[in-house]
């Protein structure tokens, strides 16, 4: 099936209006930017690890997940 062709302005308008734009994308070659991971080591005080573990258990997620989520939220609002 051949993809429909539209101008970048039309594409942007549809995107901004939260319309479905998937018919204009080649999903076989689509890639998400900035998802490459890199391992880092961070030392936290014992009390902080305990609090992180408590919150992670409360939410049913891992310590790593909660750390990544909270840092992501803080960076988005910065």
N, C-alpha and C. Protein backbone atom coordinates (compact mmCIF):
# COMPACT_ATOMS: atom_id res chain seq x y z
N UNK A 1 0.84 -1.18 0.00
CA UNK A 1 0.00 0.00 0.00
C UNK A 1 0.89 1.24 0.00
N UNK A 2 0.63 2.15 -0.90
CA UNK A 2 1.42 3.38 -1.01
C UNK A 2 0.91 4.41 -0.01
N UNK A 3 1.85 5.08 0.63
CA UNK A 3 1.50 6.11 1.60
C UNK A 3 0.99 7.35 0.89
N UNK A 4 0.02 8.02 1.53
CA UNK A 4 -0.46 9.29 0.99
C UNK A 4 0.62 10.34 1.17
N UNK A 5 0.56 11.36 0.35
CA UNK A 5 1.56 12.42 0.42
C UNK A 5 0.88 13.74 0.79
N UNK A 6 1.45 14.42 1.78
CA UNK A 6 0.95 15.74 2.17
C UNK A 6 2.16 16.64 2.44
N UNK A 7 1.90 17.92 2.52
CA UNK A 7 2.98 18.86 2.82
C UNK A 7 3.31 18.80 4.30
N UNK A 8 4.48 19.28 4.66
CA UNK A 8 4.89 19.31 6.06
C UNK A 8 3.96 20.21 6.87
N UNK A 9 3.47 21.26 6.24
CA UNK A 9 2.53 22.17 6.93
C UNK A 9 1.21 21.44 7.24
N UNK A 10 0.75 20.65 6.27
CA UNK A 10 -0.48 19.87 6.50
C UNK A 10 -0.27 18.83 7.60
N UNK A 11 0.89 18.18 7.54
CA UNK A 11 1.24 17.18 8.55
C UNK A 11 1.28 17.81 9.94
N UNK A 12 1.97 18.96 10.06
CA UNK A 12 2.06 19.66 11.34
C UNK A 12 0.68 20.06 11.87
N UNK A 13 -0.16 20.53 10.96
CA UNK A 13 -1.51 20.94 11.35
C UNK A 13 -2.31 19.75 11.91
N UNK A 14 -2.23 18.62 11.22
CA UNK A 14 -2.92 17.42 11.70
C UNK A 14 -2.38 16.98 13.06
N UNK A 15 -1.06 17.02 13.20
CA UNK A 15 -0.44 16.63 14.46
C UNK A 15 -0.89 17.56 15.59
N UNK A 16 -0.84 18.86 15.36
CA UNK A 16 -1.24 19.83 16.37
C UNK A 16 -2.71 19.69 16.75
N UNK A 17 -3.53 19.25 15.81
CA UNK A 17 -4.96 19.04 16.07
C UNK A 17 -5.23 17.66 16.66
N UNK A 18 -4.14 16.93 16.97
CA UNK A 18 -4.21 15.59 17.55
C UNK A 18 -5.00 14.62 16.67
N UNK A 19 -4.86 14.76 15.36
CA UNK A 19 -5.49 13.85 14.41
C UNK A 19 -4.58 12.63 14.21
N UNK A 20 -5.13 11.57 13.65
CA UNK A 20 -4.36 10.37 13.36
C UNK A 20 -3.46 10.62 12.15
N UNK A 21 -2.16 10.54 12.36
CA UNK A 21 -1.20 10.81 11.28
C UNK A 21 -0.49 9.54 10.81
N UNK A 22 -0.88 8.39 11.35
CA UNK A 22 -0.16 7.16 11.06
C UNK A 22 -0.20 6.79 9.57
N UNK A 23 -1.23 7.18 8.85
CA UNK A 23 -1.28 6.83 7.43
C UNK A 23 -0.19 7.54 6.62
N UNK A 24 0.44 8.54 7.21
CA UNK A 24 1.49 9.30 6.53
C UNK A 24 2.90 8.87 6.98
N UNK A 25 2.97 7.87 7.85
CA UNK A 25 4.25 7.43 8.39
C UNK A 25 4.64 6.06 7.85
N UNK A 26 5.93 5.83 7.73
CA UNK A 26 6.45 4.51 7.38
C UNK A 26 6.87 3.87 8.69
N UNK A 27 5.96 3.10 9.29
CA UNK A 27 6.19 2.55 10.62
C UNK A 27 7.26 1.45 10.63
N UNK A 28 7.62 0.92 9.46
CA UNK A 28 8.67 -0.09 9.39
C UNK A 28 10.04 0.51 9.66
N UNK A 29 10.21 1.79 9.34
CA UNK A 29 11.51 2.43 9.52
C UNK A 29 11.49 3.51 10.61
N UNK A 30 10.36 3.70 11.25
CA UNK A 30 10.25 4.75 12.28
C UNK A 30 11.09 4.38 13.49
N UNK A 31 11.74 5.38 14.07
CA UNK A 31 12.55 5.20 15.27
C UNK A 31 12.25 6.32 16.24
N UNK A 32 12.29 6.00 17.52
CA UNK A 32 12.11 7.01 18.55
C UNK A 32 13.47 7.55 18.93
N UNK A 33 13.57 8.86 18.98
CA UNK A 33 14.84 9.50 19.33
C UNK A 33 15.09 9.43 20.83
N UNK A 34 16.33 9.54 21.16
CA UNK A 34 16.78 9.69 22.54
C UNK A 34 16.38 8.55 23.47
N UNK A 35 16.25 7.34 22.94
CA UNK A 35 15.92 6.21 23.80
C UNK A 35 17.13 5.33 24.09
N UNK A 36 18.28 5.68 23.52
CA UNK A 36 19.48 4.92 23.80
C UNK A 36 19.83 5.09 25.27
N UNK A 37 20.07 3.98 25.93
CA UNK A 37 20.36 4.06 27.36
C UNK A 37 21.86 4.01 27.61
N UNK A 38 22.23 4.51 28.74
CA UNK A 38 23.62 4.51 29.17
C UNK A 38 23.63 4.29 30.68
N UNK A 39 24.40 3.33 31.12
CA UNK A 39 24.43 3.00 32.54
C UNK A 39 25.24 4.05 33.30
N UNK A 40 24.69 4.48 34.44
CA UNK A 40 25.38 5.40 35.33
C UNK A 40 25.30 4.85 36.75
N UNK A 41 26.26 5.23 37.55
CA UNK A 41 26.29 4.79 38.94
C UNK A 41 26.08 6.02 39.82
N UNK A 42 25.11 5.93 40.73
CA UNK A 42 24.81 7.04 41.63
C UNK A 42 24.78 6.50 43.05
N UNK A 43 25.46 7.17 43.93
CA UNK A 43 25.45 6.78 45.35
C UNK A 43 24.39 7.60 46.08
N UNK A 44 23.50 6.90 46.80
CA UNK A 44 22.47 7.54 47.60
C UNK A 44 22.70 7.21 49.07
N UNK A 45 22.34 8.13 49.96
CA UNK A 45 22.40 7.81 51.40
C UNK A 45 21.40 6.68 51.72
N UNK A 46 21.70 5.94 52.76
CA UNK A 46 20.87 4.80 53.14
C UNK A 46 19.41 5.20 53.35
N UNK A 47 19.17 6.33 54.02
CA UNK A 47 17.80 6.75 54.29
C UNK A 47 17.03 6.99 52.99
N UNK A 48 17.74 7.50 51.96
CA UNK A 48 17.09 7.78 50.69
C UNK A 48 16.70 6.48 49.97
N UNK A 49 17.58 5.49 50.05
CA UNK A 49 17.30 4.18 49.45
C UNK A 49 16.07 3.57 50.13
N UNK A 50 16.01 3.69 51.45
CA UNK A 50 14.86 3.15 52.18
C UNK A 50 13.56 3.82 51.75
N UNK A 51 13.59 5.14 51.61
CA UNK A 51 12.40 5.88 51.18
C UNK A 51 12.02 5.51 49.74
N UNK A 52 13.03 5.39 48.87
CA UNK A 52 12.77 4.99 47.49
C UNK A 52 12.11 3.61 47.44
N UNK A 53 12.65 2.68 48.22
CA UNK A 53 12.10 1.33 48.25
C UNK A 53 10.67 1.31 48.78
N UNK A 54 10.40 2.13 49.80
CA UNK A 54 9.04 2.22 50.34
C UNK A 54 8.06 2.72 49.28
N UNK A 55 8.45 3.80 48.58
CA UNK A 55 7.58 4.36 47.56
C UNK A 55 7.40 3.41 46.38
N UNK A 56 8.49 2.75 45.99
CA UNK A 56 8.42 1.79 44.89
C UNK A 56 7.48 0.64 45.25
N UNK A 57 7.59 0.13 46.47
CA UNK A 57 6.71 -0.97 46.90
C UNK A 57 5.26 -0.51 46.93
N UNK A 58 5.04 0.68 47.42
CA UNK A 58 3.69 1.25 47.50
C UNK A 58 3.05 1.34 46.11
N UNK A 59 3.87 1.71 45.12
CA UNK A 59 3.37 1.87 43.75
C UNK A 59 3.46 0.58 42.93
N UNK A 60 4.11 -0.44 43.47
CA UNK A 60 4.24 -1.70 42.76
C UNK A 60 5.21 -1.65 41.59
N UNK A 61 6.27 -0.86 41.74
CA UNK A 61 7.29 -0.74 40.69
C UNK A 61 8.67 -0.99 41.31
N UNK A 62 9.67 -1.05 40.47
CA UNK A 62 11.03 -1.23 40.96
C UNK A 62 11.62 0.10 41.41
N UNK A 63 12.69 0.01 42.18
CA UNK A 63 13.41 1.22 42.60
C UNK A 63 13.90 1.98 41.37
N UNK A 64 14.46 1.26 40.42
CA UNK A 64 14.98 1.92 39.21
C UNK A 64 13.87 2.65 38.46
N UNK A 65 12.71 2.03 38.36
CA UNK A 65 11.59 2.66 37.65
C UNK A 65 11.17 3.97 38.30
N UNK A 66 11.08 3.96 39.61
CA UNK A 66 10.65 5.18 40.30
C UNK A 66 11.70 6.28 40.18
N UNK A 67 12.98 5.91 40.25
CA UNK A 67 14.04 6.90 40.10
C UNK A 67 13.98 7.51 38.70
N UNK A 68 13.87 6.66 37.68
CA UNK A 68 13.82 7.15 36.30
C UNK A 68 12.59 8.04 36.07
N UNK A 69 11.45 7.63 36.62
CA UNK A 69 10.22 8.40 36.44
C UNK A 69 10.34 9.77 37.11
N UNK A 70 10.80 9.79 38.36
CA UNK A 70 10.89 11.06 39.09
C UNK A 70 11.90 12.01 38.46
N UNK A 71 13.03 11.48 38.02
CA UNK A 71 14.02 12.33 37.36
C UNK A 71 13.46 12.87 36.04
N UNK A 72 12.77 12.01 35.30
CA UNK A 72 12.16 12.44 34.04
C UNK A 72 11.15 13.57 34.26
N UNK A 73 10.30 13.41 35.27
CA UNK A 73 9.30 14.44 35.58
C UNK A 73 9.97 15.76 35.96
N UNK A 74 11.01 15.69 36.75
CA UNK A 74 11.71 16.90 37.18
C UNK A 74 12.36 17.59 35.99
N UNK A 75 12.97 16.82 35.10
CA UNK A 75 13.63 17.40 33.93
C UNK A 75 12.62 18.03 32.96
N UNK A 76 11.45 17.42 32.84
CA UNK A 76 10.40 17.98 31.97
C UNK A 76 9.91 19.33 32.48
N UNK A 77 9.89 19.49 33.79
CA UNK A 77 9.38 20.74 34.37
C UNK A 77 10.48 21.79 34.55
N UNK A 78 11.71 21.43 34.26
CA UNK A 78 12.83 22.37 34.44
C UNK A 78 12.91 23.37 33.30
